[in-house]
Amino acid sequence: MVTLADVARHAGVSASTVSYVLSGKRTISEETRRRVESAVAELGYHPNARARALAARRSHIIALVVPLRSDVYVPIMMQIAISVTVAARKHGYDVLLITNDEGPEGVRRVALSGLADGVILMDVELDDKRIPVLRELGTQAALIGLPDDRAGLSCVDHDFAAAGAQCADHLADLGHREVAFIGYGSSTYQRHAGYAERTLAGFRERARERGLRFVHRPCEGTYESTAGTLARILSDRPGTTGFVVQNEGAIGPLLSLLRTSGRTVPEDASVIALCPELLAEQYAPSLTAVTGPAQELGQVAVEHVMKRITAAGRGRRPDDELVLLSPVLTVRESTGPAPKRDPEP
């Protein structure tokens, strides 16, 4: 194993000089710094994590609280987790994955253990019970999600309200007047998941502004539940011609059910989804969809938590930050002009 002393001998400097270059605690001449960095690269030196943590009073670990709920779309969560891991490595940090099963007590356990210098929370609820623990313990944290009370927090999220509004605008621009919003299951709204409630709120407000007559129906995402949801919508609002779907599991069943009921997409019914691009493109017809950059969520969250860790280490109060990533509407084959109604006799 290559040691700090080996690097010092290779670079022709003292071990303390190598330590200063690596830690940045003292100003070192550019020539000496380059010699040390070259020796580190050539020898493949990696500082001992435990010694580094003791010296800097840091663990160089970020804890990432990953949701494992039945109502979350796991591929997106994993994409975010991977982007967090890649971004953290660029700062010399490793990532400790923990689940949110324990709720506030899980966050408390990680914070008090000293295992992590900071925490990134995913799947943030509007009144998230984990946030008071972060404030109580003074834990440096970044949130992927937007709670109602974000005082003292750094948050990054998709602009879900804008995404919902885009869906309403798109259908209204196509001439649809009777629309339905098929969302996640009831439990998602009962726990006040931010992504679900903010999307619905944005859609509802814009739909009213544009004069759309709409109905919202939660759906569990199975074929049976989607069939029941669609049947209720068409029973209550038989003139419905536009469908917004924020539920990855319901997309395939909905397209199939519309087809078997004699409604051709998009001639008789338009469907717009809030889902990843790869998912939107795999269906026939391909889906008009509103998407957001999942990878960027993880990258921004890491930048936020690193700023807070650095500021706290220098005895400064970390700045609060809020970044909302703009959604993108991509028009594909599943939406078209509202069907013309036969004139009333």
Protein backbone atom coordinates (compact mmCIF):
# COMPACT_ATOMS: atom_id res chain seq x y z
CA MET A 1 0.00 0.00 0.00
CA VAL A 2 1.35 3.43 -0.99
CA THR A 3 1.86 5.71 2.02
CA LEU A 4 2.14 9.46 2.46
CA ALA A 5 5.86 8.98 3.11
CA ASP A 6 6.23 7.23 -0.26
CA VAL A 7 4.63 10.21 -1.97
CA ALA A 8 6.94 12.60 -0.11
CA ARG A 9 10.06 10.69 -1.19
CA HIS A 10 8.87 10.49 -4.80
CA ALA A 11 8.17 14.24 -4.90
CA GLY A 12 11.31 15.19 -3.00
CA VAL A 13 9.46 17.02 -0.26
CA SER A 14 8.59 16.46 3.40
CA ALA A 15 5.60 14.42 4.51
CA SER A 16 4.10 17.55 6.07
CA THR A 17 4.28 19.34 2.71
CA VAL A 18 2.36 16.49 1.09
CA SER A 19 -0.23 16.73 3.87
CA TYR A 20 -0.59 20.49 3.35
CA VAL A 21 -1.06 20.06 -0.40
CA LEU A 22 -3.74 17.41 0.10
CA SER A 23 -5.60 19.28 2.83
CA GLY A 24 -5.19 22.79 1.41
CA LYS A 25 -4.49 24.09 4.93
CA ARG A 26 -1.41 26.06 3.88
CA THR A 27 -0.30 27.93 0.80
CA ILE A 28 2.22 25.89 -1.18
CA SER A 29 4.15 27.07 -4.23
CA GLU A 30 2.65 26.10 -7.58
CA GLU A 31 5.77 24.11 -8.56
CA THR A 32 5.76 22.08 -5.32
CA ARG A 33 2.02 21.49 -5.53
CA ARG A 34 2.39 20.15 -9.07
CA ARG A 35 5.22 17.80 -8.00
CA VAL A 36 3.13 16.42 -5.16
CA GLU A 37 0.02 16.00 -7.30
CA SER A 38 2.08 14.25 -9.98
CA ALA A 39 3.55 11.86 -7.37
CA VAL A 40 0.07 11.13 -6.01
CA ALA A 41 -1.18 10.29 -9.51
CA GLU A 42 1.84 8.19 -10.49
CA LEU A 43 1.85 6.15 -7.29
CA GLY A 44 -1.94 5.84 -7.05
CA TYR A 45 -1.99 7.17 -3.49
CA HIS A 46 -5.34 7.25 -1.64
CA PRO A 47 -5.41 8.87 1.82
CA ASN A 48 -6.47 6.55 4.62
CA ALA A 49 -10.14 7.35 5.19
CA ARG A 50 -10.03 6.88 8.96
CA ALA A 51 -6.90 8.98 9.40
CA ARG A 52 -8.31 11.67 7.14
CA ALA A 53 -11.54 11.75 9.11
CA LEU A 54 -9.72 12.05 12.44
CA ALA A 55 -7.47 14.82 11.15
CA ALA A 56 -10.24 16.85 9.58
CA ARG A 57 -13.01 15.77 11.93
CA ARG A 58 -14.91 14.67 8.87
CA SER A 59 -16.03 11.27 7.69
CA HIS A 60 -16.06 12.26 4.00
CA ILE A 61 -19.35 10.42 3.70
CA ILE A 62 -22.77 11.71 2.65
CA ALA A 63 -25.85 9.77 3.75
CA LEU A 64 -28.50 9.46 1.05
CA VAL A 65 -31.98 8.56 2.32
CA VAL A 66 -33.57 6.58 -0.54
CA PRO A 67 -37.30 5.78 -0.55
CA LEU A 68 -38.35 2.17 -1.05
CA ARG A 69 -42.10 2.73 -1.23
CA SER A 70 -44.47 0.83 -3.47
CA ASP A 71 -45.80 4.12 -4.88
CA VAL A 72 -42.47 5.48 -6.17
CA TYR A 73 -40.99 4.80 -9.60
CA VAL A 74 -37.81 2.96 -8.66
CA PRO A 75 -35.84 3.51 -11.92
CA ILE A 76 -35.96 7.27 -11.43
CA MET A 77 -34.94 6.98 -7.77
CA MET A 78 -31.96 4.83 -8.76
CA GLN A 79 -30.98 7.28 -11.48
CA ILE A 80 -30.93 10.07 -8.90
CA ALA A 81 -28.97 7.91 -6.45
CA ILE A 82 -26.33 7.14 -9.09
CA SER A 83 -25.96 10.81 -9.99
CA VAL A 84 -25.51 11.65 -6.28
CA THR A 85 -22.80 9.00 -5.99
CA VAL A 86 -20.92 10.20 -9.08
CA ALA A 87 -21.12 13.86 -8.02
CA ALA A 88 -20.00 13.05 -4.47
CA ARG A 89 -16.90 11.20 -5.70
CA LYS A 90 -15.79 14.35 -7.52
CA HIS A 91 -15.59 15.96 -4.07
CA GLY A 92 -13.76 12.98 -2.56
CA TYR A 93 -16.89 11.78 -0.76
CA ASP A 94 -18.50 8.36 -0.56
CA VAL A 95 -22.24 7.79 -0.25
CA LEU A 96 -23.98 5.79 2.46
CA LEU A 97 -27.39 4.57 1.28
CA ILE A 98 -30.10 4.26 3.90
CA THR A 99 -33.83 3.72 3.45
CA ASN A 100 -36.56 5.97 4.80
CA ASP A 101 -38.35 3.09 6.56
CA GLU A 102 -37.28 4.41 9.97
CA GLY A 103 -38.47 7.94 9.23
CA PRO A 104 -37.22 10.60 11.67
CA GLU A 105 -35.48 8.06 13.90
CA GLY A 106 -33.38 6.83 10.99
CA VAL A 107 -32.20 10.37 10.29
CA ARG A 108 -31.50 10.90 13.99
CA ARG A 109 -29.47 7.69 14.19
CA VAL A 110 -27.26 8.63 11.24
CA ALA A 111 -26.79 12.20 12.43
CA LEU A 112 -25.81 11.25 15.99
CA SER A 113 -23.51 8.41 14.90
CA GLY A 114 -21.10 10.75 13.15
CA LEU A 115 -21.07 8.39 10.17
CA ALA A 116 -21.86 11.17 7.71
CA ASP A 117 -20.90 14.82 7.35
CA GLY A 118 -24.19 15.60 5.65
CA VAL A 119 -27.49 14.09 4.60
CA ILE A 120 -29.49 14.21 1.37
CA LEU A 121 -33.20 13.45 1.76
CA MET A 122 -35.27 12.15 -1.15
CA ASP A 123 -39.05 11.78 -1.45
CA VAL A 124 -39.75 14.87 0.64
CA GLU A 125 -43.30 15.38 1.91
CA LEU A 126 -44.90 18.80 2.37
CA ASP A 127 -44.89 18.39 6.18
CA ASP A 128 -41.96 15.96 6.30
CA LYS A 129 -41.38 14.68 9.85
CA ARG A 130 -37.65 14.22 9.22
CA ILE A 131 -37.00 17.93 8.81
CA PRO A 132 -37.48 18.92 12.50
CA VAL A 133 -34.79 16.35 13.38
CA LEU A 134 -32.35 17.97 10.94
CA ARG A 135 -33.02 21.38 12.47
CA GLU A 136 -32.80 20.08 16.04
CA LEU A 137 -29.42 18.43 15.49
CA GLY A 138 -27.99 21.09 13.18
CA THR A 139 -27.31 18.48 10.50
CA GLN A 140 -26.02 19.77 7.19
CA ALA A 141 -28.58 18.58 4.68
CA ALA A 142 -29.93 19.04 1.18
CA LEU A 143 -33.44 18.05 0.16
CA ILE A 144 -34.51 16.61 -3.16
CA GLY A 145 -38.03 17.89 -2.83
CA LEU A 146 -39.77 20.98 -1.55
CA PRO A 147 -41.49 21.06 1.87
CA ASP A 148 -43.98 23.72 2.85
CA ASP A 149 -41.53 25.18 5.39
CA ARG A 150 -38.03 25.36 3.91
CA ALA A 151 -36.53 27.88 6.34
CA GLY A 152 -32.89 27.05 6.98
CA LEU A 153 -32.83 24.39 4.25
CA SER A 154 -31.28 23.86 0.85
CA CYS A 155 -33.71 22.33 -1.63
CA VAL A 156 -33.71 21.23 -5.23
CA ASP A 157 -36.71 19.85 -7.10
CA HIS A 158 -38.47 19.75 -10.42
CA ASP A 159 -40.96 22.58 -10.79
CA PHE A 160 -43.93 20.22 -10.50
CA ALA A 161 -46.49 23.04 -10.36
CA ALA A 162 -45.20 24.30 -13.71
CA ALA A 163 -45.31 20.74 -15.09
CA GLY A 164 -48.97 20.42 -14.16
CA ALA A 165 -49.71 23.80 -15.72
CA GLN A 166 -47.98 22.76 -18.95
CA CYS A 167 -50.25 19.72 -19.21
CA ALA A 168 -53.37 21.87 -18.84
CA ASP A 169 -52.12 24.43 -21.36
CA HIS A 170 -51.27 21.78 -23.94
CA LEU A 171 -54.72 20.19 -23.83
CA ALA A 172 -56.45 23.58 -23.79
CA ASP A 173 -54.41 24.73 -26.81
CA LEU A 174 -55.61 21.63 -28.67
CA GLY A 175 -59.23 22.54 -27.99
CA HIS A 176 -60.01 20.00 -25.27
CA ARG A 177 -62.55 21.16 -22.72
CA GLU A 178 -63.35 17.99 -20.72
CA VAL A 179 -60.19 16.53 -19.16
CA ALA A 180 -59.23 14.03 -16.46
CA PHE A 181 -56.14 13.89 -14.25
CA ILE A 182 -55.22 10.31 -13.29
CA GLY A 183 -52.79 10.47 -10.38
CA TYR A 184 -51.02 8.17 -7.97
CA GLY A 185 -52.83 6.06 -5.40
CA SER A 186 -54.70 7.65 -2.51
CA SER A 187 -51.89 6.90 -0.04
CA THR A 188 -49.52 9.18 -1.98
CA TYR A 189 -51.83 12.15 -1.45
CA GLN A 190 -52.62 11.15 2.13
CA ARG A 191 -48.93 11.38 3.05
CA HIS A 192 -48.69 14.72 1.19
CA ALA A 193 -45.96 13.73 -1.24
CA GLY A 194 -44.74 17.02 -2.65
CA TYR A 195 -44.29 15.89 -6.24
CA ALA A 196 -47.89 14.63 -6.43
CA GLU A 197 -49.62 17.50 -4.64
CA ARG A 198 -47.68 20.27 -6.39
CA THR A 199 -48.32 18.81 -9.84
CA LEU A 200 -52.04 18.52 -9.15
CA ALA A 201 -52.17 22.05 -7.73
CA GLY A 202 -50.43 23.49 -10.80
CA PHE A 203 -52.73 21.57 -13.14
CA ARG A 204 -55.86 22.55 -11.21
CA GLU A 205 -55.03 26.27 -11.15
CA ARG A 206 -54.15 26.46 -14.86
CA ALA A 207 -57.16 24.32 -15.87
CA ARG A 208 -59.46 26.79 -14.13
CA GLU A 209 -57.72 29.73 -15.81
CA ARG A 210 -58.14 28.08 -19.21
CA GLY A 211 -61.79 27.14 -18.65
CA LEU A 212 -61.24 23.39 -18.59
CA ARG A 213 -63.79 21.16 -16.90
CA PHE A 214 -61.70 18.58 -15.11
CA VAL A 215 -61.80 15.73 -12.63
CA HIS A 216 -58.98 14.22 -10.58
CA ARG A 217 -58.97 10.50 -9.82
CA PRO A 218 -56.28 8.68 -7.78
CA CYS A 219 -55.28 5.29 -9.18
CA GLU A 220 -53.20 2.41 -7.79
CA GLY A 221 -51.62 1.79 -11.18
CA THR A 222 -52.68 -1.83 -11.74
CA TYR A 223 -54.71 -2.87 -14.77
CA GLU A 224 -57.78 -3.49 -12.61
CA SER A 225 -57.54 -0.18 -10.77
CA THR A 226 -56.94 1.73 -14.01
CA ALA A 227 -59.97 0.05 -15.58
CA GLY A 228 -62.11 1.06 -12.61
CA THR A 229 -60.75 4.61 -12.67
CA LEU A 230 -61.42 5.03 -16.39
CA ALA A 231 -64.90 3.57 -16.06
CA ARG A 232 -65.78 6.05 -13.31
CA ILE A 233 -64.40 8.97 -15.30
CA LEU A 234 -66.39 8.10 -18.41
CA SER A 235 -69.50 7.41 -16.36
CA ASP A 236 -69.28 10.78 -14.60
CA ARG A 237 -67.89 12.74 -17.56
CA PRO A 238 -68.67 10.91 -20.83
CA GLY A 239 -67.44 13.88 -22.84
CA THR A 240 -63.86 13.56 -21.54
CA THR A 241 -61.36 13.78 -24.41
CA GLY A 242 -58.11 14.68 -22.65
CA PHE A 243 -56.21 12.60 -20.08
CA VAL A 244 -53.23 13.63 -17.95
CA VAL A 245 -51.44 10.73 -16.25
CA GLN A 246 -49.02 11.10 -13.36
CA ASN A 247 -48.68 7.42 -12.56
CA GLU A 248 -46.18 5.31 -14.47
CA GLY A 249 -48.04 2.08 -13.74
CA ALA A 250 -51.32 3.35 -15.19
CA ILE A 251 -49.99 4.50 -18.58
CA GLY A 252 -49.95 1.14 -20.36
CA PRO A 253 -53.33 -0.03 -19.01
CA LEU A 254 -54.95 3.31 -19.91
CA LEU A 255 -53.79 3.16 -23.53
CA SER A 256 -54.99 -0.43 -23.80
CA LEU A 257 -58.35 0.32 -22.20
CA LEU A 258 -58.99 3.34 -24.42
CA ARG A 259 -58.23 1.19 -27.45
CA THR A 260 -60.54 -1.64 -26.42
CA SER A 261 -63.32 0.84 -25.65
CA GLY A 262 -63.21 2.09 -29.22
CA ARG A 263 -61.41 5.37 -28.47
CA THR A 264 -58.44 5.85 -30.78
CA VAL A 265 -55.47 7.85 -29.46
CA PRO A 266 -55.12 10.69 -30.39
CA GLU A 267 -58.11 11.01 -32.75
CA ASP A 268 -60.75 10.38 -30.05
CA ALA A 269 -58.74 10.90 -26.86
CA SER A 270 -55.45 12.65 -26.12
CA VAL A 271 -53.07 11.35 -23.45
CA ILE A 272 -50.23 13.35 -21.90
CA ALA A 273 -47.99 11.81 -19.24
CA LEU A 274 -45.61 13.05 -16.58
CA CYS A 275 -42.88 10.45 -16.93
CA PRO A 276 -39.28 9.85 -18.09
CA GLU A 277 -38.52 10.20 -21.79
CA LEU A 278 -37.48 6.56 -22.20
CA LEU A 279 -40.83 5.44 -20.84
CA ALA A 280 -42.75 7.87 -23.04
CA GLU A 281 -41.01 6.61 -26.17
CA GLN A 282 -41.64 2.91 -25.58
CA TYR A 283 -45.40 3.05 -26.05
CA ALA A 284 -47.42 2.98 -29.27
CA PRO A 285 -48.42 5.65 -29.91
CA SER A 286 -45.42 7.39 -28.35
CA LEU A 287 -46.45 9.64 -25.50
CA THR A 288 -46.53 13.38 -25.35
CA ALA A 289 -44.81 13.88 -21.99
CA VAL A 290 -43.55 16.41 -19.49
CA THR A 291 -40.16 15.38 -18.14
CA GLY A 292 -37.40 16.72 -15.92
CA PRO A 293 -33.65 16.06 -15.64
CA ALA A 294 -33.34 13.41 -12.91
CA GLN A 295 -29.53 13.39 -13.00
CA GLU A 296 -29.35 17.12 -12.38
CA LEU A 297 -31.39 16.72 -9.19
CA GLY A 298 -28.65 14.57 -7.67
CA GLN A 299 -25.85 16.81 -8.87
CA VAL A 300 -27.39 19.99 -7.46
CA ALA A 301 -28.20 18.27 -4.15
CA VAL A 302 -24.55 17.28 -3.74
CA GLU A 303 -23.38 20.82 -4.51
CA HIS A 304 -25.83 22.15 -1.90
CA VAL A 305 -24.75 19.80 0.86
CA MET A 306 -21.05 20.35 0.12
CA LYS A 307 -21.51 24.12 0.41
CA ARG A 308 -23.21 23.64 3.76
CA ILE A 309 -20.51 21.28 5.05
CA THR A 310 -17.78 23.71 3.98
CA ALA A 311 -19.52 26.73 5.49
CA ALA A 312 -20.13 24.96 8.79
CA GLY A 313 -16.49 23.86 8.90
CA ARG A 314 -15.47 27.50 8.64
CA GLY A 315 -17.83 28.53 11.40
CA ARG A 316 -20.28 30.26 9.07
CA ARG A 317 -24.03 29.81 8.81
CA PRO A 318 -24.78 27.97 5.55
CA ASP A 319 -26.89 29.87 3.03
CA ASP A 320 -30.39 28.63 2.26
CA GLU A 321 -30.82 27.69 -1.38
CA LEU A 322 -33.72 26.78 -3.62
CA VAL A 323 -33.36 25.49 -7.17
CA LEU A 324 -36.43 24.51 -9.20
CA LEU A 325 -35.56 22.73 -12.46
CA SER A 326 -37.78 23.67 -15.39
CA PRO A 327 -39.90 20.87 -16.90
CA VAL A 328 -39.82 20.14 -20.63
CA LEU A 329 -42.91 19.29 -22.69
CA THR A 330 -42.19 17.06 -25.69
CA VAL A 331 -45.07 16.60 -28.12
CA ARG A 332 -45.28 13.12 -29.62
CA GLU A 333 -48.06 10.99 -31.09
CA SER A 334 -50.52 10.66 -28.20
CA THR A 335 -52.06 14.14 -28.30
CA GLY A 336 -54.02 15.88 -31.01
CA PRO A 337 -56.87 18.31 -31.61
CA ALA A 338 -60.04 17.66 -29.64
CA PRO A 339 -62.56 15.66 -31.68
CA LYS A 340 -65.31 17.77 -33.18
CA ARG A 341 -68.65 17.24 -31.52
CA ASP A 342 -71.76 16.64 -33.53
CA PRO A 343 -73.98 19.73 -33.50
CA GLU A 344 -76.90 19.50 -31.13
CA PRO A 345 -80.29 18.98 -32.85
